[in-house]
């Protein structure tokens, strides 16, 4: 029987943006300079045993503390102008539906991240869109009898490729703001995940 980690206290923070590679694409900069945060989030959420209903509920509650807040922040920041298919990419309603079907309550959301420029919007969107890939893998551990619309693939066909194409085509003048926003969103997931993981019996 695997032993699931119950304590992960990593925080992302905001280290200075490394600009030595000025020719690096925004996608590459985000991937390189959020790798530590991405690994920490993967470790933390990999600690939930999704074959157990209580763990799965806690996993969904952790996401429900973050996803609605970030989606609202993205909308306030103008994501609809950057991604015309944004309405198809939203997942907060799927998350809420799964939680209610499990007869659980939606938790209080964490504060919205400040996305005050286009670069920050792209950085936050990068984290949410990327989380769909991890979710699709984690969904395999969820028993068939439990609702999993949030983790199931959704959105337009080729959604991730389309997103990355748009990200690569973006002409942001402050990639550091994109990296900072992405790290802030990863940190929200870490905070929410730790709160819920510690409460799992």
N, C-alpha and C. Protein backbone atom coordinates (compact mmCIF):
# COMPACT_ATOMS: atom_id res chain seq x y z
N UNK A 1 0.86 -1.19 0.00
CA UNK A 1 0.00 0.00 0.00
C UNK A 1 0.90 1.24 0.00
N UNK A 2 0.76 2.14 -0.96
CA UNK A 2 1.61 3.31 -0.99
C UNK A 2 1.34 4.24 0.18
N UNK A 3 2.37 4.92 0.63
CA UNK A 3 2.23 5.89 1.70
C UNK A 3 2.11 7.27 1.07
N UNK A 4 1.00 7.93 1.28
CA UNK A 4 0.77 9.23 0.66
C UNK A 4 1.28 10.35 1.56
N UNK A 5 2.04 11.25 0.97
CA UNK A 5 2.62 12.37 1.70
C UNK A 5 1.50 13.27 2.21
N UNK A 6 1.60 13.71 3.46
CA UNK A 6 0.58 14.60 4.00
C UNK A 6 1.17 15.96 4.36
N UNK A 7 2.42 16.20 4.12
CA UNK A 7 3.00 17.50 4.43
C UNK A 7 3.87 17.97 3.28
N UNK A 8 3.45 19.03 2.63
CA UNK A 8 4.25 19.68 1.60
C UNK A 8 4.13 21.17 1.85
N UNK A 9 5.24 21.83 2.14
CA UNK A 9 5.17 23.23 2.53
C UNK A 9 5.90 24.15 1.56
N UNK A 10 6.18 23.68 0.36
CA UNK A 10 6.87 24.50 -0.63
C UNK A 10 6.00 25.68 -1.02
N UNK A 11 6.62 26.82 -1.16
CA UNK A 11 5.94 28.00 -1.69
C UNK A 11 6.75 28.50 -2.88
N UNK A 12 6.05 29.04 -3.86
CA UNK A 12 6.74 29.48 -5.08
C UNK A 12 7.45 30.81 -4.90
N UNK A 13 6.74 31.79 -4.38
CA UNK A 13 7.35 33.10 -4.28
C UNK A 13 7.60 33.73 -5.64
N UNK A 14 8.33 34.83 -5.64
CA UNK A 14 8.58 35.55 -6.89
C UNK A 14 10.06 35.90 -7.01
N UNK A 15 10.89 34.96 -7.45
CA UNK A 15 12.29 35.30 -7.67
C UNK A 15 12.42 36.26 -8.84
N UNK A 16 13.53 36.98 -8.94
CA UNK A 16 13.70 37.89 -10.06
C UNK A 16 13.62 37.15 -11.39
N UNK A 17 13.04 37.81 -12.39
CA UNK A 17 12.97 37.23 -13.73
C UNK A 17 14.36 37.21 -14.34
N UNK A 18 14.77 36.07 -14.87
CA UNK A 18 16.08 35.94 -15.50
C UNK A 18 15.95 36.30 -16.97
N UNK A 19 16.55 37.39 -17.37
CA UNK A 19 16.37 37.88 -18.73
C UNK A 19 17.58 37.62 -19.61
N UNK A 20 18.44 36.68 -19.20
CA UNK A 20 19.65 36.45 -20.00
C UNK A 20 19.33 35.88 -21.37
N UNK A 21 18.16 35.25 -21.50
CA UNK A 21 17.77 34.66 -22.77
C UNK A 21 16.66 35.50 -23.39
N UNK A 22 17.02 36.67 -23.91
CA UNK A 22 16.00 37.59 -24.39
C UNK A 22 15.26 37.05 -25.61
N UNK A 23 15.88 36.10 -26.32
CA UNK A 23 15.23 35.56 -27.51
C UNK A 23 14.29 34.39 -27.18
N UNK A 24 14.23 34.00 -25.92
CA UNK A 24 13.39 32.88 -25.51
C UNK A 24 11.92 33.22 -25.71
N UNK A 25 11.16 32.27 -26.24
CA UNK A 25 9.72 32.51 -26.42
C UNK A 25 9.05 32.59 -25.06
N UNK A 26 7.88 33.19 -25.04
CA UNK A 26 7.15 33.30 -23.77
C UNK A 26 6.83 31.92 -23.22
N UNK A 27 6.46 31.00 -24.09
CA UNK A 27 6.17 29.63 -23.63
C UNK A 27 7.40 29.03 -22.96
N UNK A 28 8.57 29.18 -23.60
CA UNK A 28 9.80 28.61 -23.05
C UNK A 28 10.18 29.28 -21.74
N UNK A 29 10.00 30.60 -21.67
CA UNK A 29 10.31 31.31 -20.43
C UNK A 29 9.41 30.84 -19.30
N UNK A 30 8.13 30.68 -19.58
CA UNK A 30 7.20 30.21 -18.55
C UNK A 30 7.55 28.80 -18.10
N UNK A 31 7.84 27.93 -19.05
CA UNK A 31 8.17 26.56 -18.69
C UNK A 31 9.44 26.51 -17.84
N UNK A 32 10.47 27.24 -18.25
CA UNK A 32 11.75 27.19 -17.55
C UNK A 32 11.68 27.83 -16.17
N UNK A 33 10.96 28.94 -16.07
CA UNK A 33 11.02 29.71 -14.83
C UNK A 33 9.85 29.45 -13.88
N UNK A 34 9.06 28.45 -14.21
CA UNK A 34 8.05 27.97 -13.26
C UNK A 34 8.22 26.47 -13.00
N UNK A 35 9.31 25.89 -13.47
CA UNK A 35 9.49 24.44 -13.35
C UNK A 35 9.47 23.98 -11.90
N UNK A 36 10.06 24.77 -11.00
CA UNK A 36 10.08 24.39 -9.59
C UNK A 36 8.67 24.40 -9.00
N UNK A 37 7.89 25.42 -9.36
CA UNK A 37 6.51 25.49 -8.89
C UNK A 37 5.68 24.33 -9.44
N UNK A 38 5.86 24.07 -10.72
CA UNK A 38 5.11 22.98 -11.36
C UNK A 38 5.41 21.66 -10.66
N UNK A 39 6.69 21.41 -10.36
CA UNK A 39 7.07 20.17 -9.69
C UNK A 39 6.46 20.09 -8.30
N UNK A 40 6.45 21.21 -7.58
CA UNK A 40 5.89 21.22 -6.23
C UNK A 40 4.39 20.93 -6.26
N UNK A 41 3.68 21.53 -7.21
CA UNK A 41 2.24 21.28 -7.33
C UNK A 41 1.97 19.83 -7.71
N UNK A 42 2.75 19.30 -8.64
CA UNK A 42 2.59 17.89 -9.02
C UNK A 42 2.79 16.97 -7.82
N UNK A 43 3.81 17.27 -7.02
CA UNK A 43 4.09 16.44 -5.84
C UNK A 43 2.94 16.52 -4.84
N UNK A 44 2.48 17.73 -4.58
CA UNK A 44 1.41 17.91 -3.60
C UNK A 44 0.12 17.23 -4.04
N UNK A 45 -0.32 17.50 -5.26
CA UNK A 45 -1.59 16.93 -5.69
C UNK A 45 -1.47 15.45 -6.02
N UNK A 46 -0.26 14.98 -6.26
CA UNK A 46 -0.05 13.55 -6.40
C UNK A 46 -0.15 12.81 -5.09
N UNK A 47 -0.20 13.57 -3.98
CA UNK A 47 -0.32 12.98 -2.65
C UNK A 47 -1.76 12.61 -2.31
N UNK A 48 -2.71 13.11 -3.07
CA UNK A 48 -4.11 12.72 -2.86
C UNK A 48 -4.34 11.36 -3.50
N UNK A 49 -4.92 10.46 -2.74
CA UNK A 49 -5.26 9.13 -3.26
C UNK A 49 -6.65 9.22 -3.87
N UNK A 50 -6.71 9.47 -5.17
CA UNK A 50 -7.99 9.75 -5.81
C UNK A 50 -8.90 8.53 -5.93
N UNK A 51 -8.41 7.37 -5.55
CA UNK A 51 -9.28 6.19 -5.52
C UNK A 51 -10.13 6.18 -4.25
N UNK A 52 -9.79 7.04 -3.29
CA UNK A 52 -10.58 7.19 -2.05
C UNK A 52 -11.50 8.40 -2.20
N UNK A 53 -12.76 8.21 -1.88
CA UNK A 53 -13.73 9.29 -2.05
C UNK A 53 -13.35 10.52 -1.24
N UNK A 54 -12.90 10.33 0.00
CA UNK A 54 -12.57 11.48 0.85
C UNK A 54 -11.41 12.28 0.26
N UNK A 55 -10.40 11.57 -0.25
CA UNK A 55 -9.28 12.26 -0.88
C UNK A 55 -9.73 13.00 -2.14
N UNK A 56 -10.58 12.35 -2.90
CA UNK A 56 -11.05 12.96 -4.14
C UNK A 56 -11.86 14.22 -3.86
N UNK A 57 -12.71 14.16 -2.85
CA UNK A 57 -13.46 15.35 -2.46
C UNK A 57 -12.51 16.48 -2.07
N UNK A 58 -11.50 16.15 -1.29
CA UNK A 58 -10.54 17.17 -0.85
C UNK A 58 -9.77 17.74 -2.03
N UNK A 59 -9.41 16.88 -2.97
CA UNK A 59 -8.71 17.31 -4.18
C UNK A 59 -9.57 18.33 -4.94
N UNK A 60 -10.84 18.01 -5.13
CA UNK A 60 -11.73 18.93 -5.85
C UNK A 60 -11.94 20.23 -5.07
N UNK A 61 -12.06 20.13 -3.75
CA UNK A 61 -12.22 21.36 -2.95
C UNK A 61 -11.00 22.26 -3.08
N UNK A 62 -9.81 21.64 -3.11
CA UNK A 62 -8.59 22.44 -3.27
C UNK A 62 -8.64 23.21 -4.59
N UNK A 63 -9.03 22.54 -5.65
CA UNK A 63 -9.13 23.21 -6.95
C UNK A 63 -10.22 24.27 -6.93
N UNK A 64 -11.30 24.00 -6.19
CA UNK A 64 -12.40 24.96 -6.12
C UNK A 64 -12.02 26.22 -5.35
N UNK A 65 -10.98 26.17 -4.57
CA UNK A 65 -10.49 27.36 -3.89
C UNK A 65 -9.73 28.28 -4.85
N UNK A 66 -9.29 27.71 -5.98
CA UNK A 66 -8.41 28.45 -6.88
C UNK A 66 -9.04 28.75 -8.24
N UNK A 67 -9.60 27.73 -8.88
CA UNK A 67 -10.02 27.87 -10.28
C UNK A 67 -11.04 28.99 -10.50
N UNK A 68 -12.12 29.08 -9.71
CA UNK A 68 -13.08 30.17 -9.95
C UNK A 68 -12.43 31.55 -9.80
N UNK A 69 -11.56 31.70 -8.80
CA UNK A 69 -10.89 32.99 -8.59
C UNK A 69 -10.02 33.36 -9.78
N UNK A 70 -9.26 32.39 -10.27
CA UNK A 70 -8.36 32.68 -11.39
C UNK A 70 -9.15 32.93 -12.67
N UNK A 71 -10.21 32.16 -12.88
CA UNK A 71 -11.03 32.40 -14.06
C UNK A 71 -11.64 33.80 -14.04
N UNK A 72 -12.12 34.23 -12.89
CA UNK A 72 -12.69 35.58 -12.79
C UNK A 72 -11.61 36.63 -13.05
N UNK A 73 -10.43 36.41 -12.49
CA UNK A 73 -9.33 37.36 -12.71
C UNK A 73 -8.95 37.42 -14.18
N UNK A 74 -8.94 36.27 -14.84
CA UNK A 74 -8.63 36.24 -16.27
C UNK A 74 -9.69 37.01 -17.06
N UNK A 75 -10.93 36.83 -16.71
CA UNK A 75 -12.00 37.53 -17.43
C UNK A 75 -11.92 39.04 -17.20
N UNK A 76 -11.61 39.43 -15.97
CA UNK A 76 -11.44 40.86 -15.69
C UNK A 76 -10.22 41.42 -16.42
N UNK A 77 -9.24 40.56 -16.67
CA UNK A 77 -8.02 40.99 -17.36
C UNK A 77 -8.12 40.97 -18.87
N UNK A 78 -9.25 40.49 -19.40
CA UNK A 78 -9.44 40.52 -20.84
C UNK A 78 -9.07 39.26 -21.59
N UNK A 79 -9.12 38.11 -20.93
CA UNK A 79 -8.77 36.86 -21.60
C UNK A 79 -9.66 36.60 -22.81
N UNK A 80 -10.90 37.09 -22.76
CA UNK A 80 -11.81 36.88 -23.88
C UNK A 80 -11.34 37.52 -25.17
N UNK A 81 -10.53 38.57 -25.06
CA UNK A 81 -9.98 39.21 -26.26
C UNK A 81 -8.77 38.44 -26.79
N UNK A 82 -8.10 37.72 -25.92
CA UNK A 82 -6.89 36.98 -26.32
C UNK A 82 -7.23 35.58 -26.81
N UNK A 83 -8.24 34.98 -26.21
CA UNK A 83 -8.68 33.63 -26.59
C UNK A 83 -10.18 33.70 -26.89
N UNK A 84 -10.53 33.71 -28.14
CA UNK A 84 -11.93 33.85 -28.51
C UNK A 84 -12.77 32.65 -28.07
N UNK A 85 -12.11 31.50 -27.88
CA UNK A 85 -12.83 30.30 -27.43
C UNK A 85 -12.81 30.16 -25.91
N UNK A 86 -12.50 31.24 -25.21
CA UNK A 86 -12.41 31.18 -23.75
C UNK A 86 -13.65 30.58 -23.10
N UNK A 87 -14.87 30.94 -23.51
CA UNK A 87 -16.04 30.35 -22.84
C UNK A 87 -16.03 28.83 -22.84
N UNK A 88 -15.46 28.22 -23.87
CA UNK A 88 -15.40 26.76 -23.93
C UNK A 88 -14.31 26.19 -23.03
N UNK A 89 -13.40 27.04 -22.61
CA UNK A 89 -12.27 26.58 -21.80
C UNK A 89 -12.54 26.67 -20.30
N UNK A 90 -13.56 27.41 -19.90
CA UNK A 90 -13.85 27.59 -18.48
C UNK A 90 -14.25 26.25 -17.84
N UNK A 91 -13.84 26.06 -16.59
CA UNK A 91 -14.12 24.78 -15.93
C UNK A 91 -14.70 24.91 -14.54
N UNK A 92 -14.84 26.13 -14.05
CA UNK A 92 -15.34 26.30 -12.68
C UNK A 92 -16.72 25.67 -12.51
N UNK A 93 -17.55 25.78 -13.53
CA UNK A 93 -18.91 25.22 -13.43
C UNK A 93 -18.87 23.69 -13.40
N UNK A 94 -17.92 23.08 -14.10
CA UNK A 94 -17.78 21.62 -14.06
C UNK A 94 -17.30 21.16 -12.69
N UNK A 95 -16.38 21.91 -12.14
CA UNK A 95 -15.85 21.62 -10.81
C UNK A 95 -16.96 21.70 -9.77
N UNK A 96 -17.76 22.76 -9.84
CA UNK A 96 -18.86 22.91 -8.89
C UNK A 96 -19.87 21.78 -9.03
N UNK A 97 -20.14 21.37 -10.26
CA UNK A 97 -21.11 20.29 -10.49
C UNK A 97 -20.61 18.97 -9.89
N UNK A 98 -19.33 18.67 -10.05
CA UNK A 98 -18.77 17.44 -9.48
C UNK A 98 -18.86 17.46 -7.96
N UNK A 99 -18.53 18.59 -7.37
CA UNK A 99 -18.56 18.71 -5.91
C UNK A 99 -19.98 18.52 -5.38
N UNK A 100 -20.93 19.13 -6.05
CA UNK A 100 -22.33 18.98 -5.60
C UNK A 100 -22.82 17.56 -5.79
N UNK A 101 -22.40 16.91 -6.87
CA UNK A 101 -22.83 15.53 -7.10
C UNK A 101 -22.26 14.60 -6.03
N UNK A 102 -21.12 14.98 -5.46
CA UNK A 102 -20.53 14.21 -4.37
C UNK A 102 -21.14 14.58 -3.03
N UNK A 103 -22.17 15.43 -3.06
CA UNK A 103 -22.85 15.88 -1.85
C UNK A 103 -21.89 16.60 -0.91
N UNK A 104 -21.00 17.38 -1.50
CA UNK A 104 -20.05 18.17 -0.73
C UNK A 104 -20.35 19.65 -0.94
N UNK A 105 -19.71 20.50 -0.15
CA UNK A 105 -19.95 21.93 -0.25
C UNK A 105 -18.76 22.63 -0.89
N UNK A 106 -19.06 23.68 -1.65
CA UNK A 106 -17.99 24.48 -2.24
C UNK A 106 -17.27 25.26 -1.14
N UNK A 107 -15.94 25.26 -1.14
CA UNK A 107 -15.20 25.99 -0.12
C UNK A 107 -15.11 27.48 -0.47
N UNK A 108 -14.66 28.25 0.48
CA UNK A 108 -14.42 29.67 0.21
C UNK A 108 -13.22 29.80 -0.73
N UNK A 109 -13.35 30.58 -1.78
CA UNK A 109 -12.23 30.72 -2.72
C UNK A 109 -11.12 31.59 -2.15
N UNK A 110 -9.92 31.36 -2.62
CA UNK A 110 -8.80 32.23 -2.28
C UNK A 110 -8.92 33.53 -3.07
N UNK A 111 -8.24 34.59 -2.62
CA UNK A 111 -8.33 35.88 -3.34
C UNK A 111 -7.85 35.75 -4.78
N UNK A 112 -8.46 36.54 -5.64
CA UNK A 112 -8.06 36.54 -7.04
C UNK A 112 -6.65 37.10 -7.20
N UNK A 113 -5.86 36.52 -8.10
CA UNK A 113 -4.54 37.11 -8.38
C UNK A 113 -4.71 38.43 -9.13
N UNK A 114 -3.76 39.31 -8.96
CA UNK A 114 -3.80 40.59 -9.67
C UNK A 114 -3.20 40.41 -11.06
N UNK A 115 -4.02 40.55 -12.07
CA UNK A 115 -3.57 40.40 -13.46
C UNK A 115 -3.78 41.75 -14.15
N UNK A 116 -2.78 42.61 -14.03
CA UNK A 116 -2.97 43.99 -14.46
C UNK A 116 -2.33 44.32 -15.81
N UNK A 117 -1.93 43.29 -16.55
CA UNK A 117 -1.40 43.52 -17.89
C UNK A 117 -1.59 42.25 -18.71
N UNK A 118 -1.43 42.37 -20.02
CA UNK A 118 -1.64 41.22 -20.89
C UNK A 118 -0.68 40.08 -20.57
N UNK A 119 0.56 40.43 -20.25
CA UNK A 119 1.54 39.39 -19.93
C UNK A 119 1.09 38.56 -18.73
N UNK A 120 0.57 39.24 -17.71
CA UNK A 120 0.10 38.53 -16.51
C UNK A 120 -1.07 37.62 -16.84
N UNK A 121 -1.95 38.07 -17.72
CA UNK A 121 -3.09 37.24 -18.13
C UNK A 121 -2.59 35.97 -18.81
N UNK A 122 -1.61 36.11 -19.69
CA UNK A 122 -1.06 34.92 -20.36
C UNK A 122 -0.41 33.98 -19.35
N UNK A 123 0.30 34.54 -18.37
CA UNK A 123 0.96 33.69 -17.38
C UNK A 123 -0.02 32.88 -16.56
N UNK A 124 -1.10 33.53 -16.11
CA UNK A 124 -2.12 32.81 -15.33
C UNK A 124 -2.84 31.78 -16.18
N UNK A 125 -3.15 32.15 -17.42
CA UNK A 125 -3.84 31.20 -18.31
C UNK A 125 -2.97 29.99 -18.61
N UNK A 126 -1.67 30.21 -18.69
CA UNK A 126 -0.73 29.11 -18.94
C UNK A 126 -0.86 28.03 -17.86
N UNK A 127 -1.01 28.45 -16.62
CA UNK A 127 -1.12 27.49 -15.52
C UNK A 127 -2.45 26.74 -15.59
N UNK A 128 -3.54 27.46 -15.78
CA UNK A 128 -4.85 26.79 -15.83
C UNK A 128 -4.94 25.84 -17.01
N UNK A 129 -4.48 26.27 -18.17
CA UNK A 129 -4.56 25.40 -19.34
C UNK A 129 -3.66 24.17 -19.16
N UNK A 130 -2.48 24.38 -18.62
CA UNK A 130 -1.57 23.25 -18.39
C UNK A 130 -2.11 22.26 -17.39
N UNK A 131 -2.91 22.75 -16.43
CA UNK A 131 -3.45 21.85 -15.41
C UNK A 131 -4.40 20.82 -16.01
N UNK A 132 -4.93 21.12 -17.19
CA UNK A 132 -5.84 20.17 -17.83
C UNK A 132 -5.12 18.89 -18.24
N UNK A 133 -3.86 19.02 -18.62
CA UNK A 133 -3.09 17.84 -19.01
C UNK A 133 -2.87 16.93 -17.80
N UNK A 134 -2.47 17.54 -16.68
CA UNK A 134 -2.30 16.75 -15.47
C UNK A 134 -3.60 16.16 -14.99
N UNK A 135 -4.67 16.91 -15.14
CA UNK A 135 -5.98 16.42 -14.72
C UNK A 135 -6.41 15.20 -15.49
N UNK A 136 -6.12 15.19 -16.79
CA UNK A 136 -6.51 14.04 -17.61
C UNK A 136 -5.79 12.77 -17.15
N UNK A 137 -4.55 12.92 -16.70
CA UNK A 137 -3.80 11.77 -16.19
C UNK A 137 -4.36 11.33 -14.84
N UNK A 138 -4.63 12.29 -13.97
CA UNK A 138 -5.15 11.95 -12.64
C UNK A 138 -6.53 11.33 -12.71
N UNK A 139 -7.30 11.70 -13.72
CA UNK A 139 -8.67 11.18 -13.85
C UNK A 139 -8.70 9.66 -13.94
N UNK A 140 -7.61 9.07 -14.41
CA UNK A 140 -7.56 7.61 -14.55
C UNK A 140 -7.64 6.91 -13.20
N UNK A 141 -7.27 7.62 -12.13
CA UNK A 141 -7.30 7.02 -10.80
C UNK A 141 -8.66 7.16 -10.13
N UNK A 142 -9.54 7.97 -10.69
CA UNK A 142 -10.86 8.20 -10.09
C UNK A 142 -11.79 7.05 -10.44
N UNK A 143 -12.41 6.41 -9.46
CA UNK A 143 -13.35 5.32 -9.76
C UNK A 143 -14.45 5.77 -10.70
N UNK A 144 -14.88 4.87 -11.56
CA UNK A 144 -15.89 5.20 -12.58
C UNK A 144 -17.19 5.72 -11.98
N UNK A 145 -17.51 5.30 -10.77
CA UNK A 145 -18.79 5.69 -10.18
C UNK A 145 -18.78 7.12 -9.65
N UNK A 146 -17.62 7.75 -9.61
CA UNK A 146 -17.54 9.12 -9.11
C UNK A 146 -17.55 10.11 -10.27
N UNK A 147 -18.15 11.27 -10.08
CA UNK A 147 -18.20 12.27 -11.16
C UNK A 147 -16.81 12.84 -11.44
N UNK A 148 -16.49 13.03 -12.70
CA UNK A 148 -15.15 13.52 -13.05
C UNK A 148 -15.18 14.44 -14.27
N UNK A 149 -16.25 15.21 -14.40
CA UNK A 149 -16.33 16.09 -15.57
C UNK A 149 -15.23 17.15 -15.54
N UNK A 150 -14.82 17.59 -14.34
CA UNK A 150 -13.77 18.61 -14.24
C UNK A 150 -12.44 18.10 -14.78
N UNK A 151 -12.13 16.84 -14.49
CA UNK A 151 -10.85 16.28 -14.91
C UNK A 151 -10.88 15.71 -16.32
N UNK A 152 -12.06 15.54 -16.87
CA UNK A 152 -12.17 14.95 -18.20
C UNK A 152 -11.82 15.99 -19.27
N UNK A 153 -11.28 15.53 -20.39
CA UNK A 153 -10.92 16.48 -21.46
C UNK A 153 -12.14 17.28 -21.91
N UNK A 154 -11.93 18.57 -22.09
CA UNK A 154 -13.01 19.41 -22.57
C UNK A 154 -12.42 20.59 -23.34
N UNK A 155 -13.29 21.36 -23.95
CA UNK A 155 -12.83 22.50 -24.73
C UNK A 155 -12.79 22.16 -26.20
N UNK A 156 -12.41 23.12 -27.03
CA UNK A 156 -12.36 22.88 -28.47
C UNK A 156 -11.33 21.83 -28.83
N UNK A 157 -11.51 21.20 -29.96
CA UNK A 157 -10.56 20.19 -30.42
C UNK A 157 -9.18 20.81 -30.58
N UNK A 158 -8.16 20.10 -30.07
CA UNK A 158 -6.80 20.63 -30.14
C UNK A 158 -6.61 21.86 -29.28
N UNK A 159 -7.35 21.94 -28.16
CA UNK A 159 -7.35 23.15 -27.34
C UNK A 159 -5.96 23.53 -26.85
N UNK A 160 -5.17 22.55 -26.40
CA UNK A 160 -3.86 22.89 -25.88
C UNK A 160 -2.94 23.40 -26.99
N UNK A 161 -2.97 22.76 -28.14
CA UNK A 161 -2.13 23.22 -29.25
C UNK A 161 -2.53 24.63 -29.66
N UNK A 162 -3.84 24.89 -29.72
CA UNK A 162 -4.31 26.22 -30.08
C UNK A 162 -3.86 27.26 -29.06
N UNK A 163 -3.92 26.87 -27.78
CA UNK A 163 -3.49 27.81 -26.74
C UNK A 163 -2.01 28.12 -26.89
N UNK A 164 -1.19 27.10 -27.07
CA UNK A 164 0.25 27.32 -27.19
C UNK A 164 0.59 28.14 -28.43
N UNK A 165 -0.15 27.92 -29.51
CA UNK A 165 0.06 28.73 -30.72
C UNK A 165 -0.22 30.21 -30.43
N UNK A 166 -1.30 30.46 -29.71
CA UNK A 166 -1.64 31.84 -29.36
C UNK A 166 -0.62 32.44 -28.40
N UNK A 167 -0.15 31.62 -27.47
CA UNK A 167 0.87 32.08 -26.53
C UNK A 167 2.15 32.45 -27.27
N UNK A 168 2.56 31.59 -28.20
CA UNK A 168 3.77 31.86 -28.98
C UNK A 168 3.63 33.11 -29.85
N UNK A 169 2.41 33.38 -30.29
CA UNK A 169 2.18 34.52 -31.18
C UNK A 169 2.00 35.83 -30.40
N UNK A 170 1.88 35.74 -29.09
CA UNK A 170 1.66 36.95 -28.29
C UNK A 170 2.90 37.83 -28.33
N UNK A 171 2.69 39.11 -28.24
CA UNK A 171 3.79 40.08 -28.31
C UNK A 171 3.85 40.88 -27.01
N UNK A 172 4.05 40.18 -25.91
CA UNK A 172 4.10 40.88 -24.63
C UNK A 172 5.47 41.53 -24.46
N UNK A 173 5.47 42.69 -23.81
CA UNK A 173 6.73 43.40 -23.62
C UNK A 173 7.30 43.20 -22.23
N UNK A 174 6.64 42.38 -21.41
CA UNK A 174 7.12 42.15 -20.05
C UNK A 174 6.95 40.68 -19.68
N UNK A 175 7.81 39.81 -20.22
CA UNK A 175 7.69 38.39 -19.88
C UNK A 175 7.84 38.11 -18.40
N UNK A 176 8.55 38.99 -17.70
CA UNK A 176 8.69 38.81 -16.26
C UNK A 176 7.36 38.86 -15.55
N UNK A 177 6.43 39.69 -16.05
CA UNK A 177 5.10 39.77 -15.45
C UNK A 177 4.33 38.48 -15.68
N UNK A 178 4.53 37.86 -16.83
CA UNK A 178 3.87 36.58 -17.12
C UNK A 178 4.38 35.50 -16.17
N UNK A 179 5.69 35.46 -15.98
CA UNK A 179 6.28 34.47 -15.08
C UNK A 179 5.79 34.70 -13.65
N UNK A 180 5.78 35.96 -13.21
CA UNK A 180 5.33 36.26 -11.84
C UNK A 180 3.89 35.85 -11.63
N UNK A 181 3.03 36.12 -12.61
CA UNK A 181 1.61 35.75 -12.48
C UNK A 181 1.45 34.24 -12.45
N UNK A 182 2.20 33.54 -13.29
CA UNK A 182 2.12 32.08 -13.30
C UNK A 182 2.55 31.51 -11.96
N UNK A 183 3.63 32.04 -11.41
CA UNK A 183 4.10 31.56 -10.11
C UNK A 183 3.08 31.86 -9.01
N UNK A 184 2.41 33.00 -9.11
CA UNK A 184 1.38 33.33 -8.13
C UNK A 184 0.23 32.32 -8.18
N UNK A 185 -0.16 31.93 -9.39
CA UNK A 185 -1.26 30.96 -9.51
C UNK A 185 -0.82 29.59 -9.01
N UNK A 186 0.39 29.18 -9.34
CA UNK A 186 0.90 27.92 -8.80
C UNK A 186 0.88 27.98 -7.27
N UNK A 187 1.25 29.13 -6.71
CA UNK A 187 1.28 29.25 -5.25
C UNK A 187 -0.12 29.14 -4.65
N UNK A 188 -1.11 29.67 -5.34
CA UNK A 188 -2.49 29.50 -4.87
C UNK A 188 -2.86 28.02 -4.82
N UNK A 189 -2.48 27.26 -5.84
CA UNK A 189 -2.76 25.82 -5.83
C UNK A 189 -2.03 25.14 -4.67
N UNK A 190 -0.80 25.55 -4.40
CA UNK A 190 -0.06 24.95 -3.29
C UNK A 190 -0.75 25.24 -1.95
N UNK A 191 -1.15 26.48 -1.75
CA UNK A 191 -1.82 26.84 -0.50
C UNK A 191 -3.13 26.07 -0.33
N UNK A 192 -3.93 26.04 -1.39
CA UNK A 192 -5.22 25.36 -1.31
C UNK A 192 -5.04 23.86 -1.12
N UNK A 193 -4.10 23.28 -1.84
CA UNK A 193 -3.86 21.85 -1.72
C UNK A 193 -3.40 21.46 -0.34
N UNK A 194 -2.53 22.27 0.27
CA UNK A 194 -2.04 21.95 1.61
C UNK A 194 -3.16 22.01 2.63
N UNK A 195 -4.01 23.02 2.54
CA UNK A 195 -5.14 23.15 3.47
C UNK A 195 -6.03 21.91 3.40
N UNK A 196 -6.38 21.50 2.20
CA UNK A 196 -7.30 20.37 2.05
C UNK A 196 -6.62 19.04 2.37
N UNK A 197 -5.36 18.91 2.01
CA UNK A 197 -4.66 17.65 2.27
C UNK A 197 -4.53 17.39 3.76
N UNK A 198 -4.25 18.44 4.51
CA UNK A 198 -4.09 18.28 5.96
C UNK A 198 -5.40 17.89 6.64
N UNK A 199 -6.52 18.19 6.00
CA UNK A 199 -7.83 17.89 6.59
C UNK A 199 -8.35 16.51 6.24
N UNK A 200 -7.66 15.80 5.33
CA UNK A 200 -8.12 14.47 4.93
C UNK A 200 -7.91 13.49 6.08
N UNK A 201 -8.95 12.76 6.47
CA UNK A 201 -8.79 11.81 7.59
C UNK A 201 -7.93 10.62 7.20
